Amino acid sequence: MTGDTRPNAGPSTASAGVLLVLVTVPAADANAFARHLIGAGRAARVNPRPGVRSTYRWNGQIEEADPALMLVKTTVAGDPALERRVRAPHPNEVPDTLALPVAGEIGPCLEWLKRSVTPA
């Protein structure tokens, strides 16, 4: 990374507006879900990561599941539409999602990512 990565330095100009969104989906649906987000222009890249174990509370019960963790690379401009695209086909009533801002510059890949996402 070429940007200033000191704590509290803030995002570089190049990385401003880029998000890494974590989403879990049933492992059997991971590839179709990734193609759905890419095909709709909501993400530049989606990396399904199988082998995740989830333990969580739902309706007063402790539940367990073996979903795939989707690493979704997108932009702030594409995020509102991404949220709609995640909810539409997602089988869970409350999809497990978390959006993290990218804090460091990642060079040419970053520019490609921004060009690859259709703004909402």
N, C-alpha and C. Protein backbone atom coordinates (compact mmCIF):
# COMPACT_ATOMS: atom_id res chain seq x y z
N MET A 1 0.84 -1.17 0.00
CA MET A 1 0.00 0.00 0.00
C MET A 1 0.89 1.23 0.00
N THR A 2 0.47 2.19 -0.78
CA THR A 2 1.29 3.38 -0.87
C THR A 2 0.73 4.54 -0.07
N GLY A 3 -0.51 4.43 0.41
CA GLY A 3 -1.12 5.52 1.17
C GLY A 3 -0.66 5.52 2.62
N ASP A 4 -1.05 6.56 3.35
CA ASP A 4 -0.71 6.67 4.76
C ASP A 4 -1.63 5.73 5.53
N THR A 5 -1.07 4.72 6.15
CA THR A 5 -1.88 3.73 6.86
C THR A 5 -1.79 3.86 8.37
N ARG A 6 -1.30 5.00 8.86
CA ARG A 6 -1.26 5.22 10.30
C ARG A 6 -2.67 5.26 10.87
N PRO A 7 -2.88 4.80 12.10
CA PRO A 7 -4.20 4.90 12.71
C PRO A 7 -4.70 6.34 12.68
N ASN A 8 -5.95 6.52 12.41
CA ASN A 8 -6.61 7.82 12.37
C ASN A 8 -6.12 8.72 11.24
N ALA A 9 -5.38 8.17 10.29
CA ALA A 9 -4.92 8.99 9.16
C ALA A 9 -6.05 9.24 8.17
N GLY A 10 -7.10 8.42 8.23
CA GLY A 10 -8.23 8.58 7.32
C GLY A 10 -7.94 7.95 5.98
N PRO A 11 -8.98 7.75 5.16
CA PRO A 11 -8.79 7.11 3.87
C PRO A 11 -8.02 8.01 2.92
N SER A 12 -7.28 7.39 2.01
CA SER A 12 -6.60 8.17 0.99
C SER A 12 -7.65 8.66 0.00
N THR A 13 -7.30 9.67 -0.77
CA THR A 13 -8.23 10.19 -1.77
C THR A 13 -8.65 9.10 -2.72
N ALA A 14 -7.72 8.23 -3.12
CA ALA A 14 -8.01 7.18 -4.09
C ALA A 14 -8.98 6.15 -3.53
N SER A 15 -8.90 5.83 -2.24
CA SER A 15 -9.75 4.78 -1.69
C SER A 15 -11.07 5.30 -1.15
N ALA A 16 -11.26 6.60 -1.08
CA ALA A 16 -12.52 7.16 -0.58
C ALA A 16 -13.67 6.65 -1.43
N GLY A 17 -14.71 6.19 -0.77
CA GLY A 17 -15.89 5.74 -1.48
C GLY A 17 -15.89 4.27 -1.84
N VAL A 18 -14.86 3.51 -1.44
CA VAL A 18 -14.79 2.08 -1.73
C VAL A 18 -15.16 1.30 -0.48
N LEU A 19 -15.96 0.25 -0.65
CA LEU A 19 -16.42 -0.56 0.47
C LEU A 19 -16.07 -2.03 0.26
N LEU A 20 -15.81 -2.72 1.36
CA LEU A 20 -15.77 -4.16 1.39
C LEU A 20 -17.00 -4.57 2.19
N VAL A 21 -17.91 -5.30 1.55
CA VAL A 21 -19.15 -5.72 2.20
C VAL A 21 -19.05 -7.21 2.48
N LEU A 22 -19.29 -7.59 3.72
CA LEU A 22 -19.30 -9.00 4.12
C LEU A 22 -20.75 -9.46 4.18
N VAL A 23 -21.05 -10.54 3.48
CA VAL A 23 -22.41 -11.09 3.44
C VAL A 23 -22.30 -12.60 3.58
N THR A 24 -23.14 -13.20 4.41
CA THR A 24 -23.18 -14.65 4.45
C THR A 24 -24.42 -15.13 3.71
N VAL A 25 -24.25 -16.23 2.98
CA VAL A 25 -25.35 -16.87 2.25
C VAL A 25 -25.19 -18.38 2.40
N PRO A 26 -26.27 -19.13 2.21
CA PRO A 26 -26.09 -20.58 2.22
C PRO A 26 -25.02 -20.98 1.20
N ALA A 27 -24.13 -21.89 1.60
CA ALA A 27 -23.01 -22.27 0.75
C ALA A 27 -23.46 -22.74 -0.64
N ALA A 28 -24.57 -23.43 -0.72
CA ALA A 28 -25.06 -23.93 -2.01
C ALA A 28 -25.45 -22.80 -2.96
N ASP A 29 -25.75 -21.62 -2.42
CA ASP A 29 -26.19 -20.47 -3.23
C ASP A 29 -25.07 -19.50 -3.56
N ALA A 30 -23.85 -19.74 -3.07
CA ALA A 30 -22.78 -18.75 -3.14
C ALA A 30 -22.44 -18.32 -4.56
N ASN A 31 -22.23 -19.25 -5.47
CA ASN A 31 -21.83 -18.87 -6.83
C ASN A 31 -22.94 -18.12 -7.56
N ALA A 32 -24.18 -18.58 -7.43
CA ALA A 32 -25.31 -17.89 -8.07
C ALA A 32 -25.47 -16.49 -7.48
N PHE A 33 -25.28 -16.36 -6.19
CA PHE A 33 -25.41 -15.07 -5.52
C PHE A 33 -24.34 -14.11 -6.03
N ALA A 34 -23.10 -14.60 -6.15
CA ALA A 34 -22.01 -13.77 -6.66
C ALA A 34 -22.30 -13.31 -8.09
N ARG A 35 -22.75 -14.21 -8.95
CA ARG A 35 -23.08 -13.86 -10.34
C ARG A 35 -24.22 -12.85 -10.39
N HIS A 36 -25.18 -12.98 -9.49
CA HIS A 36 -26.30 -12.05 -9.41
C HIS A 36 -25.81 -10.63 -9.13
N LEU A 37 -24.90 -10.47 -8.16
CA LEU A 37 -24.40 -9.14 -7.81
C LEU A 37 -23.53 -8.55 -8.92
N ILE A 38 -22.67 -9.36 -9.52
CA ILE A 38 -21.81 -8.89 -10.60
C ILE A 38 -22.65 -8.54 -11.83
N GLY A 39 -23.58 -9.42 -12.18
CA GLY A 39 -24.42 -9.20 -13.36
C GLY A 39 -25.26 -7.94 -13.25
N ALA A 40 -25.66 -7.58 -12.04
CA ALA A 40 -26.48 -6.38 -11.83
C ALA A 40 -25.62 -5.12 -11.72
N GLY A 41 -24.29 -5.25 -11.77
CA GLY A 41 -23.42 -4.09 -11.67
C GLY A 41 -23.29 -3.54 -10.27
N ARG A 42 -23.67 -4.31 -9.26
CA ARG A 42 -23.63 -3.85 -7.88
C ARG A 42 -22.29 -4.07 -7.22
N ALA A 43 -21.44 -4.90 -7.82
CA ALA A 43 -20.13 -5.18 -7.24
C ALA A 43 -19.13 -5.37 -8.37
N ALA A 44 -17.88 -5.06 -8.07
CA ALA A 44 -16.81 -5.28 -9.03
C ALA A 44 -16.26 -6.69 -8.93
N ARG A 45 -16.23 -7.22 -7.72
CA ARG A 45 -15.72 -8.58 -7.49
C ARG A 45 -16.40 -9.14 -6.26
N VAL A 46 -16.68 -10.43 -6.31
CA VAL A 46 -17.23 -11.14 -5.16
C VAL A 46 -16.41 -12.40 -4.96
N ASN A 47 -15.91 -12.58 -3.76
CA ASN A 47 -15.11 -13.76 -3.44
C ASN A 47 -15.87 -14.61 -2.43
N PRO A 48 -16.49 -15.71 -2.87
CA PRO A 48 -17.13 -16.63 -1.92
C PRO A 48 -16.09 -17.40 -1.13
N ARG A 49 -16.24 -17.43 0.17
CA ARG A 49 -15.32 -18.14 1.06
C ARG A 49 -16.11 -19.21 1.82
N PRO A 50 -16.08 -20.46 1.34
CA PRO A 50 -16.81 -21.52 2.05
C PRO A 50 -16.10 -21.90 3.35
N GLY A 51 -16.76 -22.72 4.14
CA GLY A 51 -16.14 -23.23 5.36
C GLY A 51 -16.27 -22.34 6.57
N VAL A 52 -17.22 -21.42 6.55
CA VAL A 52 -17.44 -20.52 7.68
C VAL A 52 -18.47 -21.18 8.61
N ARG A 53 -18.25 -21.08 9.88
CA ARG A 53 -19.21 -21.59 10.87
C ARG A 53 -19.83 -20.40 11.57
N SER A 54 -21.16 -20.32 11.59
CA SER A 54 -21.87 -19.23 12.25
C SER A 54 -22.66 -19.76 13.44
N THR A 55 -22.55 -19.08 14.56
CA THR A 55 -23.36 -19.34 15.74
C THR A 55 -24.02 -18.02 16.09
N TYR A 56 -25.34 -18.02 16.24
CA TYR A 56 -26.07 -16.77 16.44
C TYR A 56 -27.38 -17.03 17.17
N ARG A 57 -27.97 -15.95 17.69
CA ARG A 57 -29.27 -16.05 18.35
C ARG A 57 -30.35 -15.60 17.38
N TRP A 58 -31.39 -16.40 17.22
CA TRP A 58 -32.51 -16.05 16.35
C TRP A 58 -33.79 -16.53 17.01
N ASN A 59 -34.73 -15.61 17.20
CA ASN A 59 -36.01 -15.91 17.84
C ASN A 59 -35.83 -16.61 19.18
N GLY A 60 -34.86 -16.13 19.97
CA GLY A 60 -34.65 -16.65 21.31
C GLY A 60 -33.88 -17.97 21.38
N GLN A 61 -33.47 -18.50 20.25
CA GLN A 61 -32.75 -19.78 20.21
C GLN A 61 -31.32 -19.56 19.70
N ILE A 62 -30.39 -20.37 20.17
CA ILE A 62 -29.05 -20.35 19.62
C ILE A 62 -29.04 -21.28 18.42
N GLU A 63 -28.65 -20.73 17.27
CA GLU A 63 -28.65 -21.46 16.01
C GLU A 63 -27.22 -21.60 15.51
N GLU A 64 -27.00 -22.57 14.63
CA GLU A 64 -25.71 -22.74 13.98
C GLU A 64 -25.94 -23.02 12.50
N ALA A 65 -25.00 -22.57 11.68
CA ALA A 65 -25.10 -22.78 10.23
C ALA A 65 -23.70 -22.80 9.64
N ASP A 66 -23.60 -23.29 8.41
CA ASP A 66 -22.33 -23.34 7.69
C ASP A 66 -22.46 -22.58 6.38
N PRO A 67 -22.57 -21.25 6.44
CA PRO A 67 -22.75 -20.47 5.21
C PRO A 67 -21.42 -20.24 4.50
N ALA A 68 -21.50 -19.62 3.34
CA ALA A 68 -20.32 -19.08 2.67
C ALA A 68 -20.25 -17.61 3.03
N LEU A 69 -19.06 -17.12 3.29
CA LEU A 69 -18.84 -15.70 3.54
C LEU A 69 -18.48 -15.06 2.21
N MET A 70 -19.27 -14.10 1.77
CA MET A 70 -19.03 -13.40 0.51
C MET A 70 -18.28 -12.12 0.80
N LEU A 71 -17.12 -11.94 0.17
CA LEU A 71 -16.37 -10.69 0.26
C LEU A 71 -16.74 -9.90 -0.99
N VAL A 72 -17.53 -8.85 -0.82
CA VAL A 72 -18.08 -8.09 -1.94
C VAL A 72 -17.36 -6.75 -2.02
N LYS A 73 -16.71 -6.49 -3.15
CA LYS A 73 -16.00 -5.22 -3.35
C LYS A 73 -16.88 -4.31 -4.18
N THR A 74 -17.22 -3.15 -3.62
CA THR A 74 -18.14 -2.22 -4.27
C THR A 74 -17.76 -0.78 -3.91
N THR A 75 -18.64 0.14 -4.24
CA THR A 75 -18.44 1.56 -3.93
C THR A 75 -19.60 2.09 -3.12
N VAL A 76 -19.38 3.22 -2.47
CA VAL A 76 -20.46 3.86 -1.73
C VAL A 76 -21.60 4.20 -2.69
N ALA A 77 -21.27 4.64 -3.91
CA ALA A 77 -22.30 4.99 -4.90
C ALA A 77 -23.14 3.79 -5.28
N GLY A 78 -22.58 2.61 -5.25
CA GLY A 78 -23.33 1.41 -5.60
C GLY A 78 -23.99 0.73 -4.42
N ASP A 79 -23.68 1.17 -3.20
CA ASP A 79 -24.14 0.49 -2.00
C ASP A 79 -25.66 0.46 -1.80
N PRO A 80 -26.41 1.55 -2.01
CA PRO A 80 -27.87 1.46 -1.80
C PRO A 80 -28.51 0.40 -2.71
N ALA A 81 -28.08 0.33 -3.94
CA ALA A 81 -28.62 -0.68 -4.84
C ALA A 81 -28.11 -2.06 -4.46
N LEU A 82 -26.89 -2.14 -3.95
CA LEU A 82 -26.36 -3.43 -3.50
C LEU A 82 -27.23 -3.99 -2.39
N GLU A 83 -27.62 -3.14 -1.46
CA GLU A 83 -28.47 -3.61 -0.36
C GLU A 83 -29.77 -4.20 -0.88
N ARG A 84 -30.38 -3.55 -1.85
CA ARG A 84 -31.62 -4.09 -2.44
C ARG A 84 -31.35 -5.42 -3.14
N ARG A 85 -30.23 -5.52 -3.85
CA ARG A 85 -29.87 -6.75 -4.56
C ARG A 85 -29.54 -7.89 -3.60
N VAL A 86 -29.01 -7.57 -2.44
CA VAL A 86 -28.72 -8.61 -1.45
C VAL A 86 -30.02 -9.13 -0.85
N ARG A 87 -30.93 -8.23 -0.53
CA ARG A 87 -32.18 -8.64 0.13
C ARG A 87 -33.11 -9.42 -0.80
N ALA A 88 -33.17 -9.06 -2.07
CA ALA A 88 -34.12 -9.67 -3.00
C ALA A 88 -34.00 -11.19 -3.06
N PRO A 89 -32.81 -11.75 -3.37
CA PRO A 89 -32.75 -13.21 -3.48
C PRO A 89 -32.32 -13.92 -2.20
N HIS A 90 -31.98 -13.16 -1.15
CA HIS A 90 -31.42 -13.78 0.06
C HIS A 90 -32.49 -14.59 0.78
N PRO A 91 -32.18 -15.83 1.15
CA PRO A 91 -33.19 -16.68 1.80
C PRO A 91 -33.46 -16.34 3.26
N ASN A 92 -32.59 -15.59 3.91
CA ASN A 92 -32.79 -15.25 5.32
C ASN A 92 -33.66 -14.01 5.46
N GLU A 93 -34.48 -14.00 6.48
CA GLU A 93 -35.34 -12.85 6.76
C GLU A 93 -34.50 -11.59 7.00
N VAL A 94 -33.39 -11.75 7.71
CA VAL A 94 -32.46 -10.65 7.98
C VAL A 94 -31.08 -11.08 7.48
N PRO A 95 -30.70 -10.66 6.26
CA PRO A 95 -29.38 -11.04 5.76
C PRO A 95 -28.26 -10.50 6.65
N ASP A 96 -27.25 -11.32 6.87
CA ASP A 96 -26.10 -10.96 7.69
C ASP A 96 -25.13 -10.18 6.80
N THR A 97 -25.12 -8.86 6.94
CA THR A 97 -24.26 -8.01 6.11
C THR A 97 -23.55 -6.98 6.97
N LEU A 98 -22.36 -6.60 6.53
CA LEU A 98 -21.58 -5.57 7.21
C LEU A 98 -20.73 -4.88 6.16
N ALA A 99 -20.83 -3.55 6.05
CA ALA A 99 -20.04 -2.79 5.08
C ALA A 99 -18.90 -2.09 5.80
N LEU A 100 -17.69 -2.28 5.27
CA LEU A 100 -16.49 -1.69 5.85
C LEU A 100 -15.84 -0.76 4.84
N PRO A 101 -15.53 0.48 5.21
CA PRO A 101 -14.84 1.37 4.27
C PRO A 101 -13.40 0.91 4.08
N VAL A 102 -12.90 1.04 2.87
CA VAL A 102 -11.50 0.72 2.58
C VAL A 102 -10.67 1.93 3.00
N ALA A 103 -9.67 1.69 3.83
CA ALA A 103 -8.91 2.79 4.41
C ALA A 103 -7.59 3.07 3.73
N GLY A 104 -7.13 2.18 2.87
CA GLY A 104 -5.84 2.39 2.24
C GLY A 104 -5.93 2.34 0.73
N GLU A 105 -5.00 2.97 0.09
CA GLU A 105 -4.96 3.01 -1.36
C GLU A 105 -4.51 1.67 -1.90
N ILE A 106 -5.16 1.20 -2.97
CA ILE A 106 -4.81 -0.08 -3.55
C ILE A 106 -4.51 0.02 -5.04
N GLY A 107 -4.16 1.20 -5.51
CA GLY A 107 -3.64 1.41 -6.85
C GLY A 107 -4.58 1.11 -8.00
N PRO A 108 -4.02 0.53 -9.09
CA PRO A 108 -4.81 0.30 -10.31
C PRO A 108 -6.05 -0.55 -10.07
N CYS A 109 -5.99 -1.49 -9.15
CA CYS A 109 -7.16 -2.32 -8.85
C CYS A 109 -8.31 -1.44 -8.36
N LEU A 110 -7.99 -0.43 -7.59
CA LEU A 110 -9.01 0.47 -7.06
C LEU A 110 -9.74 1.20 -8.18
N GLU A 111 -9.01 1.69 -9.17
CA GLU A 111 -9.63 2.39 -10.28
C GLU A 111 -10.52 1.45 -11.09
N TRP A 112 -10.05 0.23 -11.31
CA TRP A 112 -10.87 -0.78 -12.00
C TRP A 112 -12.15 -1.03 -11.22
N LEU A 113 -12.03 -1.17 -9.90
CA LEU A 113 -13.19 -1.42 -9.06
C LEU A 113 -14.23 -0.31 -9.22
N LYS A 114 -13.78 0.93 -9.15
CA LYS A 114 -14.71 2.06 -9.27
C LYS A 114 -15.40 2.09 -10.63
N ARG A 115 -14.67 1.74 -11.70
CA ARG A 115 -15.27 1.71 -13.05
C ARG A 115 -16.26 0.55 -13.22
N SER A 116 -16.10 -0.50 -12.41
CA SER A 116 -16.88 -1.71 -12.59
C SER A 116 -18.25 -1.69 -11.90
N VAL A 117 -18.45 -0.74 -11.00
CA VAL A 117 -19.71 -0.68 -10.25
C VAL A 117 -20.60 0.38 -10.84
N THR A 118 -21.84 0.02 -11.11
CA THR A 118 -22.83 0.96 -11.63
C THR A 118 -23.42 1.74 -10.46
N PRO A 119 -23.34 3.08 -10.46
CA PRO A 119 -23.93 3.86 -9.35
C PRO A 119 -25.43 3.59 -9.21
N ALA A 120 -25.90 3.63 -7.98
CA ALA A 120 -27.32 3.36 -7.70
C ALA A 120 -28.21 4.42 -8.33
